[in-house]
């Protein structure tokens, strides 16, 4: 009897009476109905809209595509087609490059129709373009195959923009070829008139060689120019079919901007060299104009230091104000006593490649050298160096609390320079980067803690 009374008390104290239980069951039923209604009109996984296909359409689609609205399904289809078009046309371009080498260059070289210098003049850096195309196409194909293996039939995991930016070093190779195109064609025309055997070989190849598709050598030599001008169009199609929430959307836009800037730069260089032909013109905005200027400055800097492009990293670049103090008393008097001039400054680092076979190593090797290139503002359409590059291994970089908006760079036993940026935070960033490589490369400064009054004697040393 005691146990029964205890059980009755427990049931009475459970907190769920007859009326609350009925309300709870009604609420649970309403919630289940709401969930079923939401499932029947669930939002699209791409855009969040609720215009999904009906049940009959769902049965004909896999689960991933069943969660998409009609608009997004069409967009994914367009994106897949655009990605495959990019890869397939890259493969076709690579085949044309191999035809140039195997059906023209090598037979002409083996037969002795032209000298090595003449072959170089006609075919330019075609081998470099072939190597770049093979590596680029290999990575693209690996991404496509991996996506299909993982069940990504829409190729949503393929990031063309990121891959393109990794191979952005192929753009200077296109530039080299394009700038030599006019002289290459002129040389080919002259040699064809001069050498009868060459003329016979070219005619027979065009008419009898089925691999050439009845195209002559000049048509194949135009392939790199046609390819580099087609990149912006192909990237635009992928961008149009890629939602802004996709992780590759920003990289695609940056890749398109980079290639358009290089094309404008190539057009500018052809005009400077007096050539009449130009590549396809693109609308320039202020960002593209700045990028074209940056490309030209980098080329000037690379030509000056003589480093290999693949072993060079541009750490910082931009406009700085520069002054050359006559003595070390300027700190007491203040930077207002100095006469500053605007200067374009580039911080270049020469990095040893980890692997000779890799075009662009993911992990940079040790730093071999670092320089500061000073370029005057553009005059008469060209950049001019202020002086020879400053090797940071022979420089001491310091700052003073009384002049925290500037920093000083002293070249051992030579000159002293005072730099500043219009933005104080950026001035400090420049200082930290330059001081880092100055200390890293100057082993003697590590032992003496970079004290100029101990190691060197110069009229620019501060008292």
Protein backbone atom coordinates (compact mmCIF):
# COMPACT_ATOMS: atom_id res chain seq x y z
CA UNK A 1 0.00 0.00 0.00
CA UNK A 2 2.90 2.32 0.77
CA UNK A 3 4.46 1.70 -2.66
CA UNK A 4 1.18 2.45 -4.42
CA UNK A 5 0.76 5.74 -2.59
CA UNK A 6 4.36 6.67 -3.45
CA UNK A 7 3.77 5.97 -7.15
CA UNK A 8 0.61 8.05 -7.10
CA UNK A 9 2.59 10.96 -5.64
CA UNK A 10 5.21 10.67 -8.38
CA UNK A 11 2.58 10.73 -11.09
CA UNK A 12 0.89 13.71 -9.49
CA UNK A 13 4.19 15.63 -9.27
CA UNK A 14 5.33 14.88 -12.85
CA UNK A 15 4.12 18.31 -14.02
CA UNK A 16 2.18 17.05 -17.07
CA UNK A 17 -1.49 17.02 -16.48
CA UNK A 18 -4.24 16.09 -18.85
CA UNK A 19 -4.74 19.58 -20.36
CA UNK A 20 -1.03 20.51 -20.73
CA UNK A 21 -0.32 17.15 -22.36
CA UNK A 22 -3.07 17.75 -24.94
CA UNK A 23 -1.63 21.21 -25.72
CA UNK A 24 1.86 19.75 -26.07
CA UNK A 25 0.62 17.12 -28.52
CA UNK A 26 -1.16 19.79 -30.59
CA UNK A 27 2.01 21.95 -30.67
CA UNK A 28 4.15 18.98 -31.71
CA UNK A 29 1.69 18.22 -34.49
CA UNK A 30 1.84 21.84 -35.69
CA UNK A 31 5.66 21.80 -35.62
CA UNK A 32 5.77 18.59 -37.63
CA UNK A 33 3.41 20.11 -40.19
CA UNK A 34 5.64 23.20 -40.43
CA UNK A 35 8.73 21.05 -40.95
CA UNK A 36 6.98 19.07 -43.64
CA UNK A 37 5.87 22.30 -45.32
CA UNK A 38 9.44 23.69 -45.15
CA UNK A 39 10.83 20.47 -46.60
CA UNK A 40 8.33 20.66 -49.43
CA UNK A 41 9.47 24.24 -50.20
CA UNK A 42 13.03 24.16 -48.88
CA UNK A 43 15.30 27.02 -50.04
CA UNK A 44 17.87 26.68 -52.81
CA UNK A 45 21.33 25.87 -51.47
CA UNK A 46 22.94 28.43 -53.82
CA UNK A 47 20.70 31.50 -53.68
CA UNK A 48 18.25 30.80 -50.82
CA UNK A 49 15.12 31.13 -52.96
CA UNK A 50 12.28 28.60 -52.77
CA UNK A 51 11.54 28.06 -56.44
CA UNK A 52 12.50 24.37 -56.49
CA UNK A 53 11.44 21.72 -59.02
CA UNK A 54 8.45 19.52 -58.33
CA UNK A 55 8.54 15.97 -57.03
CA UNK A 56 8.64 14.45 -60.51
CA UNK A 57 11.70 16.57 -61.36
CA UNK A 58 13.36 15.70 -58.07
CA UNK A 59 13.11 12.02 -58.88
CA UNK A 60 15.09 12.61 -62.06
CA UNK A 61 17.88 14.58 -60.35
CA UNK A 62 20.45 13.58 -57.76
CA UNK A 63 20.14 14.99 -54.24
CA UNK A 64 22.60 17.82 -54.84
CA UNK A 65 20.79 19.20 -57.88
CA UNK A 66 17.38 18.60 -56.22
CA UNK A 67 18.27 21.29 -53.67
CA UNK A 68 18.71 23.93 -56.37
CA UNK A 69 16.22 26.29 -57.95
CA UNK A 70 15.80 26.37 -61.71
CA UNK A 71 17.93 29.51 -62.09
CA UNK A 72 20.83 28.07 -60.11
CA UNK A 73 20.67 24.75 -61.93
CA UNK A 74 21.07 26.59 -65.22
CA UNK A 75 23.89 28.69 -63.75
CA UNK A 76 25.77 25.59 -62.60
CA UNK A 77 25.38 24.06 -66.04
CA UNK A 78 26.71 27.23 -67.66
CA UNK A 79 29.62 27.33 -65.23
CA UNK A 80 30.54 23.73 -65.93
CA UNK A 81 30.44 24.37 -69.67
CA UNK A 82 32.59 27.51 -69.25
CA UNK A 83 35.17 25.68 -67.12
CA UNK A 84 35.40 22.82 -69.60
CA UNK A 85 35.68 25.32 -72.46
CA UNK A 86 38.61 26.99 -70.69
CA UNK A 87 40.41 23.66 -70.24
CA UNK A 88 39.62 22.30 -73.71
CA UNK A 89 40.73 25.46 -75.51
CA UNK A 90 43.94 25.46 -73.44
CA UNK A 91 44.57 21.90 -74.66
CA UNK A 92 43.91 22.94 -78.28
CA UNK A 93 46.28 25.88 -77.90
CA UNK A 94 48.94 23.53 -76.53
CA UNK A 95 48.49 21.24 -79.55
CA UNK A 96 49.12 24.19 -81.89
CA UNK A 97 52.29 25.00 -79.97
CA UNK A 98 53.53 21.43 -80.35
CA UNK A 99 52.77 21.56 -84.09
CA UNK A 100 54.93 24.68 -84.37
CA UNK A 101 57.82 22.86 -82.75
CA UNK A 102 57.47 19.37 -84.21
CA UNK A 103 56.24 20.18 -87.73
CA UNK A 104 58.17 23.38 -88.40
CA UNK A 105 60.97 24.20 -85.95
CA UNK A 106 62.60 20.77 -85.62
CA UNK A 107 62.40 19.79 -89.35
CA UNK A 108 63.86 23.17 -90.35
CA UNK A 109 66.61 22.77 -87.76
CA UNK A 110 67.49 19.18 -88.75
CA UNK A 111 67.48 19.98 -92.49
CA UNK A 112 69.64 23.06 -91.94
CA UNK A 113 67.20 25.32 -93.74
CA UNK A 114 67.90 28.14 -91.28
CA UNK A 115 70.63 28.99 -88.81
CA UNK A 116 70.00 28.85 -85.08
CA UNK A 117 69.92 32.63 -84.93
CA UNK A 118 67.31 32.77 -87.69
CA UNK A 119 65.21 30.09 -85.99
CA UNK A 120 65.36 32.06 -82.75
CA UNK A 121 64.27 35.19 -84.57
CA UNK A 122 61.21 33.49 -86.09
CA UNK A 123 60.06 31.24 -83.26
CA UNK A 124 61.12 33.47 -80.35
CA UNK A 125 60.48 31.88 -76.91
CA UNK A 126 58.11 29.20 -78.21
CA UNK A 127 59.71 26.53 -76.00
CA UNK A 128 59.00 28.60 -72.88
CA UNK A 129 55.35 28.89 -73.90
CA UNK A 130 55.18 25.12 -74.47
CA UNK A 131 56.58 24.37 -71.01
CA UNK A 132 54.17 26.79 -69.35
CA UNK A 133 51.19 25.38 -71.24
CA UNK A 134 52.05 21.79 -70.30
CA UNK A 135 52.33 22.62 -66.60
CA UNK A 136 49.22 24.81 -66.60
CA UNK A 137 47.16 22.21 -68.46
CA UNK A 138 48.36 19.41 -66.19
CA UNK A 139 47.12 21.22 -63.06
CA UNK A 140 43.81 22.10 -64.73
CA UNK A 141 43.21 18.50 -65.79
CA UNK A 142 44.09 17.20 -62.33
CA UNK A 143 41.49 19.52 -60.79
CA UNK A 144 38.83 18.36 -63.26
CA UNK A 145 39.59 14.68 -62.67
CA UNK A 146 39.62 15.11 -58.90
CA UNK A 147 36.24 16.86 -58.96
CA UNK A 148 34.65 14.04 -60.96
CA UNK A 149 36.24 11.41 -58.69
CA UNK A 150 34.70 13.12 -55.65
CA UNK A 151 31.24 13.16 -57.21
CA UNK A 152 31.31 16.86 -58.09
CA UNK A 153 29.61 16.55 -61.47
CA UNK A 154 29.01 20.33 -61.62
CA UNK A 155 32.76 21.09 -61.10
CA UNK A 156 31.91 23.52 -58.31
CA UNK A 157 35.15 22.66 -56.50
CA UNK A 158 37.31 23.60 -59.51
CA UNK A 159 38.84 27.05 -58.92
CA UNK A 160 40.12 28.33 -62.27
CA UNK A 161 40.90 31.78 -60.83
CA UNK A 162 43.21 30.44 -58.13
CA UNK A 163 45.05 28.20 -60.61
CA UNK A 164 45.45 31.07 -63.08
CA UNK A 165 46.96 33.32 -60.40
CA UNK A 166 49.43 30.56 -59.48
CA UNK A 167 50.63 30.57 -63.10
CA UNK A 168 50.58 34.35 -63.52
CA UNK A 169 54.29 34.16 -64.41
CA UNK A 170 53.25 32.96 -67.88
CA UNK A 171 52.01 36.48 -68.72
CA UNK A 172 55.54 37.95 -69.11
CA UNK A 173 56.35 35.02 -71.43
CA UNK A 174 53.37 35.98 -73.61
CA UNK A 175 54.60 39.56 -73.56
CA UNK A 176 58.06 38.55 -74.80
CA UNK A 177 56.51 36.60 -77.67
CA UNK A 178 54.00 39.31 -78.62
CA UNK A 179 56.58 42.09 -78.71
CA UNK A 180 58.76 40.05 -81.08
CA UNK A 181 55.88 39.00 -83.34
CA UNK A 182 56.24 41.84 -85.82
CA UNK A 183 59.99 41.29 -86.35
CA UNK A 184 59.43 37.51 -86.51
CA UNK A 185 56.93 37.79 -89.36
CA UNK A 186 59.14 40.26 -91.23
CA UNK A 187 62.12 37.91 -90.91
CA UNK A 188 60.05 34.95 -92.12
CA UNK A 189 58.83 36.91 -95.16
CA UNK A 190 62.36 37.98 -96.06
CA UNK A 191 63.84 34.49 -95.64
CA UNK A 192 61.04 32.87 -97.64
CA UNK A 193 61.80 35.15 -100.60
CA UNK A 194 65.53 34.56 -100.23
CA UNK A 195 65.65 30.77 -99.67
CA UNK A 196 63.95 28.57 -102.25
CA UNK A 197 64.23 25.39 -100.17
CA UNK A 198 62.46 27.09 -97.29
CA UNK A 199 59.66 28.22 -99.58
CA UNK A 200 59.24 24.69 -100.98
CA UNK A 201 59.20 23.17 -97.49
CA UNK A 202 56.50 25.57 -96.27
CA UNK A 203 54.30 25.00 -99.34
CA UNK A 204 54.59 21.20 -99.19
CA UNK A 205 53.90 21.19 -95.44
CA UNK A 206 50.74 23.24 -95.84
CA UNK A 207 49.34 21.14 -98.69
CA UNK A 208 50.44 17.61 -97.76
CA UNK A 209 50.79 17.54 -93.98
CA UNK A 210 47.36 16.62 -92.59
CA UNK A 211 48.37 17.67 -89.06
CA UNK A 212 48.49 21.32 -90.20
CA UNK A 213 44.81 21.40 -91.28
CA UNK A 214 45.78 23.36 -94.45
CA UNK A 215 47.15 26.18 -92.30
CA UNK A 216 50.48 27.86 -92.98
CA UNK A 217 53.25 28.69 -90.51
CA UNK A 218 52.12 32.29 -90.08
CA UNK A 219 48.69 31.15 -88.88
CA UNK A 220 50.23 28.91 -86.23
CA UNK A 221 52.61 31.65 -85.10
CA UNK A 222 49.53 33.74 -84.26
CA UNK A 223 48.28 31.13 -81.75
CA UNK A 224 49.92 32.67 -78.64
CA UNK A 225 48.54 36.13 -79.50
CA UNK A 226 45.05 34.72 -80.01
CA UNK A 227 45.26 32.74 -76.79
CA UNK A 228 46.38 35.56 -74.52
CA UNK A 229 43.62 37.85 -75.83
CA UNK A 230 41.00 35.14 -75.28
CA UNK A 231 41.75 34.69 -71.57
CA UNK A 232 39.66 37.73 -70.44
CA UNK A 233 36.65 36.50 -72.43
CA UNK A 234 36.87 32.97 -71.03
CA UNK A 235 37.29 34.26 -67.48
CA UNK A 236 34.33 36.63 -67.94
CA UNK A 237 32.09 33.72 -68.87
CA UNK A 238 33.10 31.79 -65.76
CA UNK A 239 32.62 34.88 -63.58
CA UNK A 240 29.12 35.43 -64.99
CA UNK A 241 28.14 31.86 -64.09
CA UNK A 242 29.81 31.91 -60.64
CA UNK A 243 27.86 33.21 -57.66
CA UNK A 244 29.61 35.86 -55.59
CA UNK A 245 29.57 33.52 -52.59
CA UNK A 246 31.77 31.00 -54.40
CA UNK A 247 35.33 30.89 -52.95
CA UNK A 248 36.85 31.38 -56.42
CA UNK A 249 34.81 34.47 -57.32
CA UNK A 250 37.38 36.99 -56.05
CA UNK A 251 40.29 35.13 -57.64
CA UNK A 252 38.50 35.03 -60.98
CA UNK A 253 38.02 38.79 -60.96
CA UNK A 254 41.64 39.38 -59.95
CA UNK A 255 42.89 37.03 -62.67
CA UNK A 256 40.80 38.86 -65.29
CA UNK A 257 42.13 42.21 -64.11
CA UNK A 258 45.73 40.97 -64.20
CA UNK A 259 45.52 39.66 -67.76
CA UNK A 260 43.79 42.81 -69.01
CA UNK A 261 46.47 44.97 -67.41
CA UNK A 262 49.19 42.93 -69.11
CA UNK A 263 47.44 43.28 -72.46
CA UNK A 264 47.29 47.05 -72.05
CA UNK A 265 50.96 47.04 -71.10
CA UNK A 266 51.85 45.05 -74.23
CA UNK A 267 49.91 47.54 -76.36
CA UNK A 268 51.77 50.42 -74.74
CA UNK A 269 55.14 48.77 -75.38
CA UNK A 270 54.31 48.09 -79.02
CA UNK A 271 53.43 51.75 -79.54
CA UNK A 272 56.71 52.83 -77.92
CA UNK A 273 58.64 50.56 -80.27
CA UNK A 274 56.86 51.99 -83.31
CA UNK A 275 54.76 48.93 -84.20
CA UNK A 276 51.38 49.54 -85.78
CA UNK A 277 49.61 46.38 -84.58
CA UNK A 278 48.03 46.11 -81.13
CA UNK A 279 46.30 43.42 -79.16
CA UNK A 280 42.63 43.67 -78.29
CA UNK A 281 41.98 46.87 -76.35
CA UNK A 282 40.22 46.84 -72.99
CA UNK A 283 38.58 49.64 -71.07
CA UNK A 284 40.99 51.04 -68.52
CA UNK A 285 39.88 52.09 -65.08
CA UNK A 286 42.15 53.67 -62.50
CA UNK A 287 43.07 50.29 -60.99
CA UNK A 288 44.15 48.86 -64.36
CA UNK A 289 46.19 51.97 -65.11
CA UNK A 290 48.06 51.60 -61.82
CA UNK A 291 48.66 47.93 -62.56
CA UNK A 292 50.09 48.75 -66.01
CA UNK A 293 52.47 51.24 -64.41
CA UNK A 294 53.48 48.65 -61.83
CA UNK A 295 54.25 46.11 -64.55
CA UNK A 296 56.47 48.60 -66.36
CA UNK A 297 58.33 49.50 -63.18
CA UNK A 298 58.90 45.84 -62.33
CA UNK A 299 60.36 45.24 -65.77
CA UNK A 300 62.68 48.22 -65.37
CA UNK A 301 63.79 46.92 -61.98
CA UNK A 302 64.35 43.36 -63.24
CA UNK A 303 66.36 44.60 -66.21
CA UNK A 304 68.51 46.69 -63.86
CA UNK A 305 69.35 43.98 -61.32
CA UNK A 306 69.64 41.22 -63.92
CA UNK A 307 67.90 38.54 -61.85
CA UNK A 308 65.81 35.69 -63.23
CA UNK A 309 62.10 36.44 -63.09
CA UNK A 310 61.22 33.15 -61.39
CA UNK A 311 63.80 33.84 -58.64
CA UNK A 312 62.56 37.37 -57.91
CA UNK A 313 59.89 38.44 -55.43
CA UNK A 314 58.55 42.01 -55.20
CA UNK A 315 58.11 42.50 -51.46
CA UNK A 316 56.92 46.11 -51.57
CA UNK A 317 56.45 48.79 -54.20
CA UNK A 318 54.97 52.24 -54.23
CA UNK A 319 55.58 55.95 -53.98
CA UNK A 320 57.84 57.34 -51.23
CA UNK A 321 59.30 60.76 -50.50
CA UNK A 322 63.10 60.82 -50.50
CA UNK A 323 65.65 63.32 -49.26
CA UNK A 324 69.44 63.26 -49.06
CA UNK A 325 70.60 65.16 -45.95
CA UNK A 326 73.94 66.99 -46.25
CA UNK A 327 74.95 65.91 -42.73
CA UNK A 328 73.64 64.17 -39.65
CA UNK A 329 72.27 67.33 -38.00
CA UNK A 330 68.89 67.12 -39.72
CA UNK A 331 67.38 65.12 -36.83
CA UNK A 332 67.87 67.99 -34.40
CA UNK A 333 66.52 70.52 -36.87
CA UNK A 334 63.64 68.27 -37.91
CA UNK A 335 62.62 66.72 -41.20
CA UNK A 336 60.99 69.99 -42.28
CA UNK A 337 64.45 71.30 -43.15
CA UNK A 338 64.90 68.55 -45.74
CA UNK A 339 63.91 68.85 -49.36
CA UNK A 340 61.87 65.78 -50.32
CA UNK A 341 61.09 64.56 -53.81
CA UNK A 342 58.58 61.94 -54.90
CA UNK A 343 60.11 58.63 -55.94
CA UNK A 344 58.88 55.19 -56.99
CA UNK A 345 60.55 52.60 -54.73
CA UNK A 346 60.61 48.82 -55.22
CA UNK A 347 61.93 46.32 -52.68
CA UNK A 348 63.14 43.22 -54.57
CA UNK A 349 64.31 39.95 -53.04
CA UNK A 350 66.33 37.32 -54.90
CA UNK A 351 65.15 33.90 -53.69
CA UNK A 352 66.89 30.64 -54.44
CA UNK A 353 64.48 28.10 -55.96
CA UNK A 354 63.99 24.93 -53.94
CA UNK A 355 63.54 22.83 -57.08
CA UNK A 356 64.91 23.69 -60.49
CA UNK A 357 62.07 21.82 -62.17
CA UNK A 358 59.31 23.85 -60.55
CA UNK A 359 58.29 27.09 -62.20
CA UNK A 360 57.02 28.67 -59.03
CA UNK A 361 57.85 26.94 -55.79
CA UNK A 362 55.17 26.99 -53.11
CA UNK A 363 57.85 27.30 -50.40
CA UNK A 364 60.41 30.00 -51.27
CA UNK A 365 64.02 29.15 -50.68
CA UNK A 366 66.61 31.18 -48.76
CA UNK A 367 67.09 34.84 -49.62
CA UNK A 368 70.28 35.41 -51.61
CA UNK A 369 70.09 39.18 -52.08
CA UNK A 370 67.79 42.14 -51.58
CA UNK A 371 67.88 45.56 -53.24
CA UNK A 372 66.01 48.82 -53.18
CA UNK A 373 65.37 50.25 -56.65
CA UNK A 374 64.70 54.00 -56.86
CA UNK A 375 62.85 55.16 -59.97
CA UNK A 376 62.00 58.74 -60.86
CA UNK A 377 58.45 59.61 -61.78
CA UNK A 378 57.63 59.00 -65.42
CA UNK A 379 59.13 61.51 -67.84
CA UNK A 380 58.55 61.51 -71.63
CA UNK A 381 56.75 58.17 -71.35
CA UNK A 382 59.64 56.28 -69.74
CA UNK A 383 60.94 55.52 -66.26
CA UNK A 384 64.49 56.44 -65.29
CA UNK A 385 66.57 55.19 -62.37
CA UNK A 386 67.74 57.70 -59.80
CA UNK A 387 70.91 55.71 -59.24
CA UNK A 388 72.10 52.10 -59.15
CA UNK A 389 70.09 49.81 -56.83
CA UNK A 390 70.83 49.96 -53.11
CA UNK A 391 72.00 46.54 -51.90
CA UNK A 392 70.59 46.09 -48.42
CA UNK A 393 73.49 43.84 -47.41
CA UNK A 394 75.61 47.01 -47.49
CA UNK A 395 73.12 49.30 -45.77
CA UNK A 396 72.11 50.23 -42.25
CA UNK A 397 68.49 51.20 -41.60
CA UNK A 398 67.51 53.17 -38.51
CA UNK A 399 64.84 55.45 -37.14
CA UNK A 400 64.78 58.18 -34.50
CA UNK A 401 62.07 58.80 -31.88
CA UNK A 402 62.24 62.53 -32.57
CA UNK A 403 61.38 61.96 -36.24
CA UNK A 404 59.02 59.01 -36.14
CA UNK A 405 57.49 59.92 -39.51
CA UNK A 406 60.75 59.11 -41.35
CA UNK A 407 63.50 56.48 -41.42
CA UNK A 408 67.10 56.69 -42.59
CA UNK A 409 69.07 54.33 -44.81
CA UNK A 410 72.86 54.67 -44.82
CA UNK A 411 74.89 52.99 -47.55
CA UNK A 412 78.30 52.13 -46.12
CA UNK A 413 80.91 54.78 -46.94
CA UNK A 414 78.70 56.33 -49.60
CA UNK A 415 75.35 58.08 -49.20
CA UNK A 416 72.51 58.50 -46.78
CA UNK A 417 68.82 58.66 -47.64
CA UNK A 418 65.77 59.69 -45.62
CA UNK A 419 62.43 58.16 -46.60
CA UNK A 420 58.86 58.81 -45.61
CA UNK A 421 55.37 57.99 -46.79
CA UNK A 422 52.33 60.26 -46.65
CA UNK A 423 50.86 57.69 -44.25
CA UNK A 424 52.87 57.22 -41.05
CA UNK A 425 51.79 53.60 -40.56
CA UNK A 426 52.95 52.73 -44.05
CA UNK A 427 56.26 54.49 -43.37
CA UNK A 428 56.78 52.17 -40.39
CA UNK A 429 55.87 49.16 -42.55
CA UNK A 430 58.47 50.12 -45.14
CA UNK A 431 61.04 50.56 -42.38
CA UNK A 432 60.38 47.14 -40.84
CA UNK A 433 60.58 45.34 -44.18
CA UNK A 434 63.81 47.05 -45.30
CA UNK A 435 65.45 46.62 -41.88
CA UNK A 436 64.54 42.93 -41.87
CA UNK A 437 66.47 42.13 -45.05
CA UNK A 438 69.28 44.51 -44.15
CA UNK A 439 69.88 42.60 -40.92
CA UNK A 440 69.27 39.20 -42.49
CA UNK A 441 71.83 39.66 -45.28
CA UNK A 442 74.44 41.72 -43.43
CA UNK A 443 76.11 39.10 -41.22
CA UNK A 444 78.63 41.60 -39.86
CA UNK A 445 75.77 43.79 -38.59
CA UNK A 446 74.43 40.86 -36.55
CA UNK A 447 77.69 40.70 -34.62
CA UNK A 448 77.78 44.46 -34.00
CA UNK A 449 74.02 44.97 -33.70
CA UNK A 450 74.15 47.34 -36.69
CA UNK A 451 75.89 50.17 -34.83
CA UNK A 452 77.28 52.59 -37.42
CA UNK A 453 79.54 54.41 -34.94
CA UNK A 454 81.44 51.14 -34.33
CA UNK A 455 81.69 49.61 -37.77
CA UNK A 456 81.93 52.49 -40.21
CA UNK A 457 83.16 56.01 -40.49
CA UNK A 458 81.03 58.26 -42.65
CA UNK A 459 80.14 61.96 -42.65
CA UNK A 460 76.48 60.99 -42.52
CA UNK A 461 76.78 59.22 -39.18
CA UNK A 462 74.67 60.83 -36.50
CA UNK A 463 76.56 62.18 -33.45
